[in-house]
Protein backbone atom coordinates (compact mmCIF):
# COMPACT_ATOMS: atom_id res chain seq x y z
CA MET A 1 0.18 0.16 0.20
CA ALA A 2 1.06 3.03 -0.97
CA GLU A 3 2.47 5.82 2.02
CA ARG A 4 -0.48 7.77 3.69
CA HIS A 5 -0.58 11.11 4.25
CA LEU A 6 -3.27 12.74 7.29
CA LEU A 7 -2.81 16.04 7.50
CA VAL A 8 -3.14 17.72 11.26
CA GLU A 9 -4.81 20.46 12.49
CA ILE A 10 -4.78 21.54 16.36
CA SER A 11 -6.25 24.36 18.01
CA GLY A 12 -3.53 26.60 20.10
CA HIS A 13 -6.43 27.55 22.08
CA GLY A 14 -3.96 26.06 25.70
CA PHE A 15 -2.67 22.81 25.67
CA GLY A 16 -5.70 20.49 25.79
CA HIS A 17 -6.64 19.89 22.07
CA LEU A 18 -2.84 18.63 21.57
CA ALA A 19 -3.62 15.98 24.60
CA GLN A 20 -7.05 15.09 23.30
CA THR A 21 -5.35 14.32 19.30
CA ALA A 22 -1.76 12.69 20.45
CA PRO A 23 -2.96 10.03 21.84
CA VAL A 24 -4.67 8.80 19.17
CA LEU A 25 -2.01 9.87 16.45
CA ASN A 26 0.48 7.74 18.53
CA THR A 27 -1.92 4.04 18.18
CA LEU A 28 -2.38 5.22 14.30
CA ARG A 29 0.90 5.12 14.01
CA GLN A 30 1.75 2.28 15.57
CA ARG A 31 -0.84 0.31 13.44
CA LEU A 32 0.06 1.66 10.25
CA PRO A 33 4.27 2.17 10.92
CA GLY A 34 4.17 4.18 7.40
CA ILE A 35 1.67 6.97 7.80
CA ARG A 36 3.07 10.36 6.91
CA LEU A 37 1.93 13.36 9.33
CA THR A 38 1.49 16.86 8.66
CA VAL A 39 0.53 18.74 11.84
CA ARG A 40 -0.72 22.49 11.23
CA THR A 41 -1.12 24.72 14.98
CA ALA A 42 -0.21 27.54 16.63
CA VAL A 43 1.34 25.36 19.61
CA PRO A 44 4.83 25.46 19.23
CA CYS A 45 6.70 22.65 17.81
CA ALA A 46 9.11 21.76 20.63
CA ALA A 47 5.40 20.95 22.51
CA VAL A 48 4.19 19.16 20.37
CA ALA A 49 7.15 17.13 19.80
CA ARG A 50 6.59 15.74 23.24
CA ARG A 51 3.44 14.45 22.79
CA ILE A 52 3.61 13.31 19.26
CA LYS A 53 5.70 10.37 18.70
CA GLY A 54 8.02 10.02 15.73
CA ALA A 55 8.34 12.04 12.72
CA PHE A 56 6.07 14.82 11.72
CA SER A 57 6.01 18.09 9.53
CA TYR A 58 5.35 20.90 11.18
CA ILE A 59 3.66 24.15 9.89
CA PRO A 60 3.03 26.60 12.63
CA MET A 61 -0.12 28.83 11.86
CA GLU A 62 -2.99 30.00 14.49
CA VAL A 63 -6.05 27.47 13.08
CA ASP A 64 -8.84 29.05 14.27
CA PRO A 65 -9.69 32.33 16.61
CA GLY A 66 -10.42 29.95 19.68
CA LEU A 67 -11.29 32.38 22.33
CA GLN A 68 -8.98 35.75 23.73
CA MET A 69 -8.51 35.50 27.25
CA ALA A 70 -6.88 37.48 30.01
CA SER A 71 -6.36 34.62 32.51
CA ALA A 72 -6.43 30.89 32.16
CA VAL A 73 -9.94 31.42 33.31
CA HIS A 74 -11.32 34.65 32.16
CA VAL A 75 -12.94 35.42 28.44
CA ARG A 76 -12.15 38.58 26.60
CA VAL A 77 -15.71 39.03 24.89
CA LYS A 78 -15.83 41.99 22.72
CA ALA A 79 -11.68 41.14 21.74
CA SER A 80 -13.18 36.96 20.88
CA HIS A 81 -15.53 38.58 19.28
CA GLN A 82 -13.66 40.89 17.31
CA ALA A 83 -11.18 37.98 16.45
CA TYR A 84 -14.40 36.05 15.03
CA CYS A 85 -15.13 39.06 12.79
CA ARG A 86 -11.71 39.58 11.42
CA TYR A 87 -11.32 35.84 10.89
CA HIS A 88 -14.71 35.51 8.28
CA ALA A 89 -14.58 38.24 7.07
CA ASP A 90 -14.70 37.47 2.79
CA TRP A 91 -15.98 33.77 4.14
CA ASN A 92 -16.22 32.25 0.83
CA ARG A 93 -13.12 33.29 -0.93
CA ASN A 94 -10.76 32.40 2.34
CA VAL A 95 -12.82 29.09 1.92
CA GLU A 96 -11.50 28.51 -1.08
CA ARG A 97 -8.23 29.95 -0.57
CA GLU A 98 -7.65 27.55 2.22
CA ALA A 99 -8.89 24.81 -0.20
CA GLU A 100 -6.69 25.28 -2.41
CA ASN A 101 -3.78 25.34 0.39
CA ILE A 102 -4.79 22.05 1.16
CA SER A 103 -4.53 20.44 -2.08
CA ARG A 104 -1.07 21.46 -2.48
CA LEU A 105 -0.41 19.50 0.82
CA GLU A 106 -1.54 16.03 -1.08
CA ALA A 107 -3.34 14.98 2.23
CA ASP A 108 -5.22 11.97 2.11
CA CYS A 109 -7.22 13.06 4.89
CA LEU A 110 -7.88 15.33 7.14
CA LEU A 111 -8.02 15.74 11.24
CA THR A 112 -9.13 18.63 12.68
CA ASN A 113 -9.34 19.16 16.47
CA VAL A 114 -10.94 21.57 16.28
CA SER A 115 -10.59 24.42 13.52
CA TYR A 116 -13.78 24.16 11.41
CA ARG A 117 -13.34 26.58 8.00
CA SER A 118 -10.46 23.76 6.92
CA LEU A 119 -13.30 21.41 7.02
CA ALA A 120 -15.25 23.63 5.04
CA ALA A 121 -12.47 23.52 2.25
CA ALA A 122 -11.29 19.99 2.81
CA ALA A 123 -15.00 19.43 1.53
CA ARG A 124 -14.34 21.81 -1.11
CA ALA A 125 -11.47 20.32 -2.30
CA GLY A 126 -12.78 17.03 -2.25
CA LEU A 127 -10.76 15.52 0.81
CA PRO A 128 -11.86 13.15 3.36
CA CYS A 129 -11.98 15.19 6.90
CA VAL A 130 -12.56 14.35 10.03
CA ALA A 131 -13.12 16.66 13.04
CA MET A 132 -12.89 15.87 17.04
CA SER A 133 -13.21 16.99 20.46
CA SER A 134 -14.88 17.82 23.27
CA LEU A 135 -16.45 20.81 22.47
CA ASN A 136 -17.01 22.86 18.88
CA TRP A 137 -16.31 26.74 18.86
CA ALA A 138 -19.66 27.15 17.88
CA GLU A 139 -20.90 26.46 20.85
CA ILE A 140 -18.68 28.21 22.70
CA TYR A 141 -18.22 31.44 20.25
CA GLY A 142 -22.17 31.57 21.06
CA HIS A 143 -21.98 31.05 24.82
CA TYR A 144 -19.95 34.20 25.06
CA CYS A 145 -20.79 36.12 22.14
CA ALA A 146 -24.36 35.34 20.79
CA GLY A 147 -25.51 39.26 21.52
CA GLU A 148 -22.78 40.63 19.37
CA SER A 149 -23.60 42.39 16.31
CA GLY A 150 -22.86 39.92 13.14
CA ALA A 151 -22.99 37.06 15.59
CA ASP A 152 -26.12 34.99 13.63
CA GLN A 153 -24.40 34.48 10.39
CA ILE A 154 -20.95 33.88 12.27
CA HIS A 155 -22.24 31.59 14.39
CA ARG A 156 -23.95 29.82 10.94
CA GLN A 157 -20.85 29.78 9.06
CA ILE A 158 -19.41 27.60 12.07
CA ARG A 159 -21.97 25.42 12.42
CA GLU A 160 -21.98 24.38 8.61
CA SER A 161 -18.50 24.14 8.69
CA TYR A 162 -18.23 21.27 10.82
CA GLY A 163 -21.53 19.86 9.19
CA ARG A 164 -19.20 19.24 6.59
CA ALA A 165 -16.87 16.14 8.00
CA ASP A 166 -17.69 12.69 7.36
CA CYS A 167 -17.75 12.18 11.12
CA PHE A 168 -17.52 14.56 14.38
CA LEU A 169 -15.60 12.02 16.77
CA ALA A 170 -17.50 13.76 20.14
CA LEU A 171 -15.44 13.12 22.80
CA CYS A 172 -16.53 12.20 26.40
CA PRO A 173 -16.73 13.79 28.73
CA GLY A 174 -18.15 17.05 26.28
CA LEU A 175 -20.36 19.00 25.29
CA PRO A 176 -23.22 17.13 24.20
CA MET A 177 -23.70 18.37 20.50
CA SER A 178 -26.94 16.22 20.19
CA ASP A 179 -28.16 18.43 16.95
CA PHE A 180 -24.74 17.54 15.34
CA VAL A 181 -26.12 14.80 12.78
CA ASN A 182 -22.78 13.56 11.70
CA ARG A 183 -21.57 13.18 15.53
CA VAL A 184 -20.23 9.89 16.86
CA ASP A 185 -19.99 9.53 20.57
CA ILE A 186 -16.50 7.83 21.81
CA GLY A 187 -15.20 7.55 25.32
CA PRO A 188 -12.42 9.02 26.86
CA VAL A 189 -8.51 9.99 25.24
CA ALA A 190 -5.94 9.98 27.75
CA MET A 191 -2.30 9.73 27.73
CA THR A 192 -0.91 7.33 30.23
CA GLY A 193 2.67 8.16 31.53
CA ARG A 194 5.41 6.19 33.62
CA ALA A 195 5.38 7.09 36.99
CA ASP A 196 8.56 7.97 39.02
CA ALA A 197 7.73 10.17 42.12
CA GLY A 198 11.55 8.48 43.75
CA ALA A 199 13.73 10.24 40.73
CA ILE A 200 11.52 13.56 41.15
CA ARG A 201 12.40 13.45 45.00
CA GLY A 202 15.75 12.64 44.40
CA ARG A 203 16.02 15.71 41.98
CA LEU A 204 14.83 17.65 44.90
CA GLY A 205 15.95 15.97 48.15
CA VAL A 206 12.75 15.90 49.20
CA ALA A 207 11.22 13.30 51.76
CA ARG A 208 9.93 9.95 50.51
CA GLU A 209 6.58 10.96 53.30
CA GLN A 210 6.19 14.53 51.75
CA PRO A 211 3.00 14.52 48.98
CA LEU A 212 4.14 15.46 45.72
CA VAL A 213 1.93 17.76 43.93
CA LEU A 214 1.33 19.33 40.80
CA PHE A 215 0.29 23.11 40.05
CA ALA A 216 -0.86 23.33 36.27
CA LEU A 217 -3.62 25.40 34.85
CA GLY A 218 -2.57 24.63 31.28
CA GLY A 219 -1.10 26.43 28.44
CA ILE A 220 -2.66 30.22 28.53
CA PRO A 221 -0.24 32.97 30.80
CA THR A 222 -1.97 32.98 34.02
CA PRO A 223 -0.15 35.84 36.57
CA ILE A 224 -0.74 35.12 40.17
CA ASP A 225 0.39 37.16 42.81
CA THR A 226 1.96 34.83 45.31
CA THR A 227 2.55 37.25 47.94
CA GLY A 228 1.33 35.99 51.14
CA TRP A 229 0.57 32.53 50.62
CA PRO A 230 1.10 30.52 53.02
CA ALA A 231 4.13 27.95 53.84
CA ALA A 232 3.23 24.27 52.39
CA SER A 233 6.35 22.88 54.80
CA ARG A 234 4.78 19.32 54.85
CA LEU A 235 4.10 18.87 50.90
CA CYS A 236 6.79 19.40 47.55
CA ILE A 237 4.39 21.35 45.34
CA LEU A 238 5.72 21.72 41.51
CA THR A 239 4.38 24.73 39.53
CA ASP A 240 6.28 27.20 37.18
CA ILE A 241 4.56 30.64 38.33
CA LYS A 242 7.06 32.79 39.21
CA ASN A 243 8.64 33.29 42.54
CA ALA A 244 6.11 30.79 44.11
CA HIS A 245 9.64 28.83 44.65
CA ARG A 246 10.35 31.56 47.47
CA ILE A 247 7.93 30.32 49.66
CA ALA A 248 8.90 27.08 51.58
CA GLY A 249 7.57 23.49 49.82
CA TYR A 250 7.13 25.24 46.47
CA TYR A 251 9.89 24.18 43.98
CA GLU A 252 10.25 25.10 40.13
CA LEU A 253 8.60 22.82 37.52
CA GLN A 254 11.65 24.13 35.30
CA ARG A 255 13.96 21.26 37.64
CA ILE A 256 12.31 18.76 36.81
CA ASP A 257 13.33 16.75 33.50
CA MET A 258 10.17 14.70 32.50
CA ASP A 259 7.41 14.60 30.38
CA PHE A 260 4.20 16.07 31.30
CA ILE A 261 2.11 12.96 31.23
CA ASP A 262 4.83 11.40 33.39
CA LEU A 263 4.76 14.24 35.90
CA LEU A 264 1.43 14.14 36.43
CA ALA A 265 1.41 9.84 37.13
CA SER A 266 3.96 10.51 39.53
CA CYS A 267 2.33 13.29 41.51
CA ASP A 268 -0.24 12.29 44.18
CA ALA A 269 -2.31 15.72 42.58
CA VAL A 270 -2.89 17.85 40.50
CA ILE A 271 -4.40 21.67 40.94
CA THR A 272 -5.93 22.76 38.03
CA LYS A 273 -8.59 24.27 35.92
CA PRO A 274 -11.82 22.87 34.50
CA GLY A 275 -10.11 21.17 31.01
CA TYR A 276 -10.55 18.04 29.24
CA GLY A 277 -6.49 17.33 28.86
CA THR A 278 -5.83 17.28 32.38
CA PHE A 279 -9.30 15.96 33.82
CA THR A 280 -8.71 12.71 31.77
CA GLU A 281 -5.49 12.60 32.33
CA ALA A 282 -5.50 12.63 35.77
CA ALA A 283 -8.51 10.22 36.07
CA CYS A 284 -6.85 7.79 33.87
CA ASN A 285 -3.27 8.22 35.92
CA GLY A 286 -4.74 7.99 39.09
CA THR A 287 -3.68 11.43 40.05
CA ARG A 288 -6.03 13.03 42.89
CA VAL A 289 -7.47 16.38 41.12
CA LEU A 290 -7.71 19.68 43.37
CA TYR A 291 -9.62 22.02 40.57
CA SER A 292 -10.98 25.79 40.68
CA ARG A 293 -15.07 26.36 39.95
CA ARG A 294 -15.80 27.81 36.53
CA SER A 295 -19.15 28.35 36.47
CA ASP A 296 -19.08 30.30 33.06
CA TRP A 297 -17.46 27.75 30.77
CA PRO A 298 -19.96 25.80 28.61
CA GLU A 299 -18.18 22.31 29.50
CA THR A 300 -17.74 22.75 33.41
CA SER A 301 -20.58 20.28 34.51
CA TYR A 302 -19.72 17.91 32.16
CA LEU A 303 -16.14 17.77 32.49
CA SER A 304 -17.27 17.90 36.37
CA GLU A 305 -18.99 15.40 36.86
CA TRP A 306 -17.39 13.11 35.03
CA LEU A 307 -14.19 13.55 36.93
CA GLU A 308 -16.81 12.82 40.39
CA VAL A 309 -17.34 9.68 38.67
CA ASN A 310 -14.18 8.70 37.80
CA GLY A 311 -11.62 10.00 39.53
CA THR A 312 -10.90 11.29 43.21
CA ALA A 313 -11.46 15.14 42.63
CA GLN A 314 -12.54 18.03 45.05
CA ALA A 315 -13.75 21.56 44.41
CA ILE A 316 -12.52 25.05 45.51
CA SER A 317 -13.09 28.82 44.29
CA TRP A 318 -10.98 30.57 41.99
CA ASP A 319 -9.90 33.29 44.65
CA THR A 320 -9.28 29.73 47.03
CA LEU A 321 -7.02 28.86 44.09
CA VAL A 322 -5.53 32.40 43.28
CA THR A 323 -4.59 33.19 47.23
CA GLY A 324 -2.72 30.28 48.18
CA ALA A 325 -5.97 29.08 50.56
CA PHE A 326 -6.06 25.55 49.05
CA LEU A 327 -3.97 23.86 51.65
CA GLY A 328 -7.23 23.14 53.63
CA PRO A 329 -8.78 21.33 50.89
CA LEU A 330 -5.83 20.00 49.12
CA GLY A 331 -4.99 18.48 52.59
CA GLN A 332 -8.53 16.98 52.47
CA LEU A 333 -7.70 15.34 49.03
CA LEU A 334 -4.79 13.97 49.95
CA SER A 335 -6.64 11.59 52.51
CA ARG A 336 -8.54 9.97 50.35
CA PRO A 337 -8.08 6.57 48.47
CA VAL A 338 -7.61 7.24 44.57
CA THR A 339 -10.54 5.91 42.85
CA ASN A 340 -9.80 3.00 40.30
CA PRO A 341 -8.38 4.65 37.27
CA PRO A 342 -10.41 4.71 34.20
CA LYS A 343 -9.85 3.21 30.69
CA ALA A 344 -9.15 5.63 27.74
CA GLY A 345 -11.51 4.25 25.76
CA GLY A 346 -11.89 6.34 23.25
CA ILE A 347 -8.20 6.04 21.02
CA GLU A 348 -8.57 3.08 19.82
CA ALA A 349 -12.63 3.53 18.67
CA ALA A 350 -11.09 7.45 17.17
CA THR A 351 -8.49 4.84 15.63
CA ALA A 352 -10.60 2.52 13.74
CA ALA A 353 -12.69 5.81 12.32
CA LEU A 354 -10.12 7.45 10.42
CA ARG A 355 -9.08 3.91 9.12
CA ARG A 356 -12.90 3.68 8.30
CA ILE A 357 -12.85 7.24 5.88
CA MET A 358 -9.05 6.72 4.73
CA ARG A 359 -9.36 3.23 3.90
CA ILE A 360 -6.78 1.83 5.35
């Protein structure tokens, strides 16, 4: 069989879209060692290479507007709407131009998580195309920007583009997407890591009885003032928050030379915000989750409900997180036994769907 070429688009809105996509690509490559991958994304190439095993061609580009963020949890609504207006200006011509760009890449299929203009372009170019994600930008954009001028047309164009996909692989947990006629529900997608808590403790010189805690808010910069945070002397909290390492019990994340998934699997708990990648990976690796509530994010209730059943978790307020007042709830969480990790059954389902559509 001739070498097959898969064009992959990954949203640069945080690292969650990469976390969803990489396990599927790695499994697909195990089944088809000769497959060629081209990745278009705004996620830095080094971050992509840490997740995707083997060679791939990298094209740096922003594949969708995502959302404009003031922090990991605060959306800049007006700025986001303006970004969508720019992206949708002269829509038909840009779809046609994108169809020409895709054709020049000579791919056999497009997999996108979860850009949408490329789906309309791929359909125009006659290229099989698959969307895969726990969310879609039609619902996210509509949730925040429905009242803005011109939002109806933008929302319609996004929905129509998703409808062009041969199928939309809807990951669990995630938005229901009940009105997507091309939706195919599949299970969770998550990497499993190799735990090595001893290596972390040895590198930092901390005692075996000190719990390891990862403080990770995803790939969106979030300035946090740690002035006044209390010491956590009985813990080892790994974080890249500026100046946190000056507080007893906090250590610079950069000191640990370990892949993120192995680091997550090595820790007793992770402090984070609601997000598909961290929630599913923590649950599947048997890592406890202390997470901030985020009532405005449409996915939150679906992610949290799944985590409460499939993981070991506790919710706190955003203020509790950013003021460093989370040590009490964290101690309660660490005293709880870990739930049996669930299986990431969506990986095989997504791989099989791609092979069917690519006819390989």
